[in-house]
Protein backbone atom coordinates (compact mmCIF):
# COMPACT_ATOMS: atom_id res chain seq x y z
CA UNK A 1 -1.01 -0.89 -2.08
CA UNK A 2 -0.18 2.75 -2.45
CA UNK A 3 2.50 2.24 -5.14
CA UNK A 4 2.11 -0.07 -8.10
CA UNK A 5 4.99 -2.08 -9.52
CA UNK A 6 5.16 0.48 -12.33
CA UNK A 7 5.47 3.33 -9.81
CA UNK A 8 8.25 1.53 -7.97
CA UNK A 9 10.05 0.72 -11.22
CA UNK A 10 9.89 4.29 -12.48
CA UNK A 11 11.16 5.57 -9.14
CA UNK A 12 14.13 3.16 -9.16
CA UNK A 13 14.99 4.00 -12.76
CA UNK A 14 14.79 7.77 -12.10
CA UNK A 15 17.02 7.45 -9.03
CA UNK A 16 19.54 5.33 -10.96
CA UNK A 17 19.59 7.94 -13.73
CA UNK A 18 20.17 10.97 -11.49
CA UNK A 19 23.80 11.54 -12.54
CA UNK A 20 22.98 10.96 -16.20
CA UNK A 21 23.40 7.70 -18.06
CA UNK A 22 24.76 7.19 -21.54
CA UNK A 23 22.79 5.21 -24.10
CA UNK A 24 25.23 2.32 -23.56
CA UNK A 25 24.53 2.37 -19.79
CA UNK A 26 20.78 2.50 -20.37
CA UNK A 27 21.07 -0.40 -22.84
CA UNK A 28 23.03 -2.37 -20.24
CA UNK A 29 20.28 -1.67 -17.66
CA UNK A 30 17.66 -2.88 -20.17
CA UNK A 31 19.63 -6.12 -20.68
CA UNK A 32 20.05 -6.69 -16.94
CA UNK A 33 16.36 -6.09 -16.31
CA UNK A 34 15.47 -8.50 -19.13
CA UNK A 35 17.65 -11.20 -17.55
CA UNK A 36 16.14 -10.59 -14.10
CA UNK A 37 12.63 -10.62 -15.52
CA UNK A 38 13.29 -13.95 -17.27
CA UNK A 39 14.90 -15.45 -14.14
CA UNK A 40 12.04 -14.42 -11.87
CA UNK A 41 9.47 -15.80 -14.33
CA UNK A 42 11.38 -19.09 -14.45
CA UNK A 43 11.52 -19.15 -10.66
CA UNK A 44 7.79 -18.46 -10.53
CA UNK A 45 7.09 -21.41 -12.82
CA UNK A 46 9.31 -23.81 -10.87
CA UNK A 47 7.76 -26.13 -8.26
CA UNK A 48 10.09 -24.78 -5.57
CA UNK A 49 8.46 -21.32 -5.80
CA UNK A 50 5.38 -22.69 -4.08
CA UNK A 51 7.40 -23.13 -0.89
CA UNK A 52 7.86 -19.66 0.51
CA UNK A 53 10.54 -18.77 2.96
CA UNK A 54 9.24 -16.84 5.95
CA UNK A 55 11.24 -13.72 5.09
CA UNK A 56 11.63 -14.22 1.35
CA UNK A 57 10.09 -12.32 -1.52
CA UNK A 58 6.80 -13.41 -3.01
CA UNK A 59 7.97 -14.87 -6.38
CA UNK A 60 4.93 -13.49 -8.20
CA UNK A 61 5.48 -9.98 -6.84
CA UNK A 62 9.19 -10.11 -7.66
CA UNK A 63 8.46 -11.20 -11.24
CA UNK A 64 5.94 -8.38 -11.59
CA UNK A 65 8.44 -5.82 -10.30
CA UNK A 66 11.19 -6.93 -12.66
CA UNK A 67 8.77 -6.89 -15.61
CA UNK A 68 7.81 -3.33 -14.72
CA UNK A 69 11.45 -2.28 -14.30
CA UNK A 70 12.33 -3.85 -17.67
CA UNK A 71 9.46 -1.97 -19.34
CA UNK A 72 10.56 1.32 -17.76
CA UNK A 73 14.18 0.89 -18.84
CA UNK A 74 12.96 0.14 -22.40
CA UNK A 75 10.85 3.31 -22.31
CA UNK A 76 13.88 5.35 -21.23
CA UNK A 77 16.05 3.67 -23.88
CA UNK A 78 13.52 4.54 -26.62
CA UNK A 79 13.36 8.13 -25.33
CA UNK A 80 17.16 8.55 -25.39
CA UNK A 81 17.41 6.99 -28.85
CA UNK A 82 14.56 9.09 -30.28
CA UNK A 83 15.83 12.35 -28.78
CA UNK A 84 19.46 11.85 -29.75
CA UNK A 85 20.68 12.80 -26.27
CA UNK A 86 24.22 11.91 -25.19
CA UNK A 87 22.97 11.07 -21.70
CA UNK A 88 19.64 10.45 -20.06
CA UNK A 89 18.84 12.82 -17.23
CA UNK A 90 15.55 12.52 -15.34
CA UNK A 91 14.79 16.25 -15.72
CA UNK A 92 14.81 15.86 -19.53
CA UNK A 93 12.17 13.13 -19.37
CA UNK A 94 8.85 15.01 -19.55
CA UNK A 95 6.69 11.93 -18.95
CA UNK A 96 8.85 10.81 -16.03
CA UNK A 97 8.92 14.30 -14.52
CA UNK A 98 5.13 14.61 -14.69
CA UNK A 99 4.81 11.19 -13.11
CA UNK A 100 7.23 12.16 -10.31
CA UNK A 101 5.21 15.30 -9.60
CA UNK A 102 1.96 13.32 -9.52
CA UNK A 103 3.59 10.72 -7.25
CA UNK A 104 4.73 13.42 -4.85
CA UNK A 105 1.21 14.91 -4.82
CA UNK A 106 -0.29 11.45 -4.11
CA UNK A 107 2.29 10.91 -1.37
CA UNK A 108 1.56 14.30 0.20
CA UNK A 109 -2.19 13.66 -0.01
CA UNK A 110 -1.79 10.23 1.59
CA UNK A 111 0.33 11.67 4.40
CA UNK A 112 -2.21 14.48 4.99
CA UNK A 113 -5.11 11.98 5.10
CA UNK A 114 -3.12 9.74 7.41
CA UNK A 115 -2.32 12.63 9.76
CA UNK A 116 -5.98 13.72 9.79
CA UNK A 117 -7.10 10.17 10.52
CA UNK A 118 -4.58 9.84 13.37
CA UNK A 119 -5.74 13.16 14.79
CA UNK A 120 -9.37 12.06 14.66
CA UNK A 121 -8.54 8.69 16.17
CA UNK A 122 -6.35 10.14 18.93
CA UNK A 123 -9.29 10.44 21.29
CA UNK A 124 -11.19 7.45 20.00
CA UNK A 125 -10.61 3.74 20.06
CA UNK A 126 -11.14 1.20 17.33
CA UNK A 127 -11.34 -2.32 18.67
CA UNK A 128 -11.84 -5.71 17.12
CA UNK A 129 -13.58 -7.74 19.82
CA UNK A 130 -14.72 -11.32 20.10
CA UNK A 131 -17.90 -11.95 22.06
CA UNK A 132 -19.37 -15.16 23.37
CA UNK A 133 -22.23 -16.62 21.36
CA UNK A 134 -24.73 -15.44 23.97
CA UNK A 135 -23.38 -11.87 24.03
CA UNK A 136 -23.21 -11.80 20.23
CA UNK A 137 -26.84 -12.90 19.92
CA UNK A 138 -27.89 -10.24 22.43
CA UNK A 139 -26.00 -7.48 20.60
CA UNK A 140 -27.43 -8.57 17.23
CA UNK A 141 -30.95 -8.66 18.69
CA UNK A 142 -30.52 -5.17 20.15
CA UNK A 143 -29.17 -3.94 16.81
CA UNK A 144 -32.09 -5.42 14.87
CA UNK A 145 -34.60 -4.00 17.35
CA UNK A 146 -33.12 -0.48 17.31
CA UNK A 147 -32.11 -0.26 13.64
CA UNK A 148 -28.46 0.21 14.61
CA UNK A 149 -25.45 -1.83 13.58
CA UNK A 150 -23.90 -4.14 16.17
CA UNK A 151 -20.88 -1.79 16.30
CA UNK A 152 -23.14 1.16 17.09
CA UNK A 153 -24.88 -0.79 19.87
CA UNK A 154 -21.56 -1.74 21.49
CA UNK A 155 -20.33 1.86 21.16
CA UNK A 156 -23.46 3.23 22.86
CA UNK A 157 -23.28 0.68 25.66
CA UNK A 158 -19.68 1.67 26.36
CA UNK A 159 -20.51 5.39 26.14
CA UNK A 160 -23.13 4.89 28.84
CA UNK A 161 -20.98 2.68 31.07
CA UNK A 162 -20.27 4.01 34.57
CA UNK A 163 -17.28 3.13 36.73
CA UNK A 164 -18.06 3.29 40.43
CA UNK A 165 -15.63 4.07 43.25
CA UNK A 166 -15.36 0.40 44.18
CA UNK A 167 -14.30 -0.52 40.61
CA UNK A 168 -17.54 -2.07 39.43
CA UNK A 169 -18.80 -1.23 35.98
CA UNK A 170 -22.48 -0.85 35.22
CA UNK A 171 -24.64 0.50 32.43
CA UNK A 172 -27.71 2.39 33.59
CA UNK A 173 -30.85 2.01 31.48
CA UNK A 174 -30.75 4.16 28.33
CA UNK A 175 -32.56 4.41 25.02
CA UNK A 176 -30.31 3.66 22.02
CA UNK A 177 -30.30 6.41 19.42
């Protein structure tokens, strides 16, 4: 997972604080998060949580997310109380601002790596194939004999495959490398 429950919680809290929240509003958010955390933990402990709906939340993940959100709201509450601010604004929160910058850098790095991977893979093909027992034994034997992995053997066989005009496919003799 690219974002932890703490990352998601901090993001939600920062977005909810964008217009500025008073200490009373932050305290209310802490209380609500505490209630939700308690409810999700109770739900997690109940026997009915073992039966998952096909499109429902994972009770364990939901409990973890509310615990993280509760912790983040408490952090913000402590910050507002300690600083004596009238309102909490995300730009005043040094720790939160540094985190947001780091998150944006991680996001940009992930997107750049993803784009590079897609560009590399554009001409290639990654396939998950199932072979018969006989074909699998043959590929494993070739791999053991040549010092290659089974994937490398299959890749070299396909690289050397020839399609004739009549539609038949053949692989001329070659030496694996």
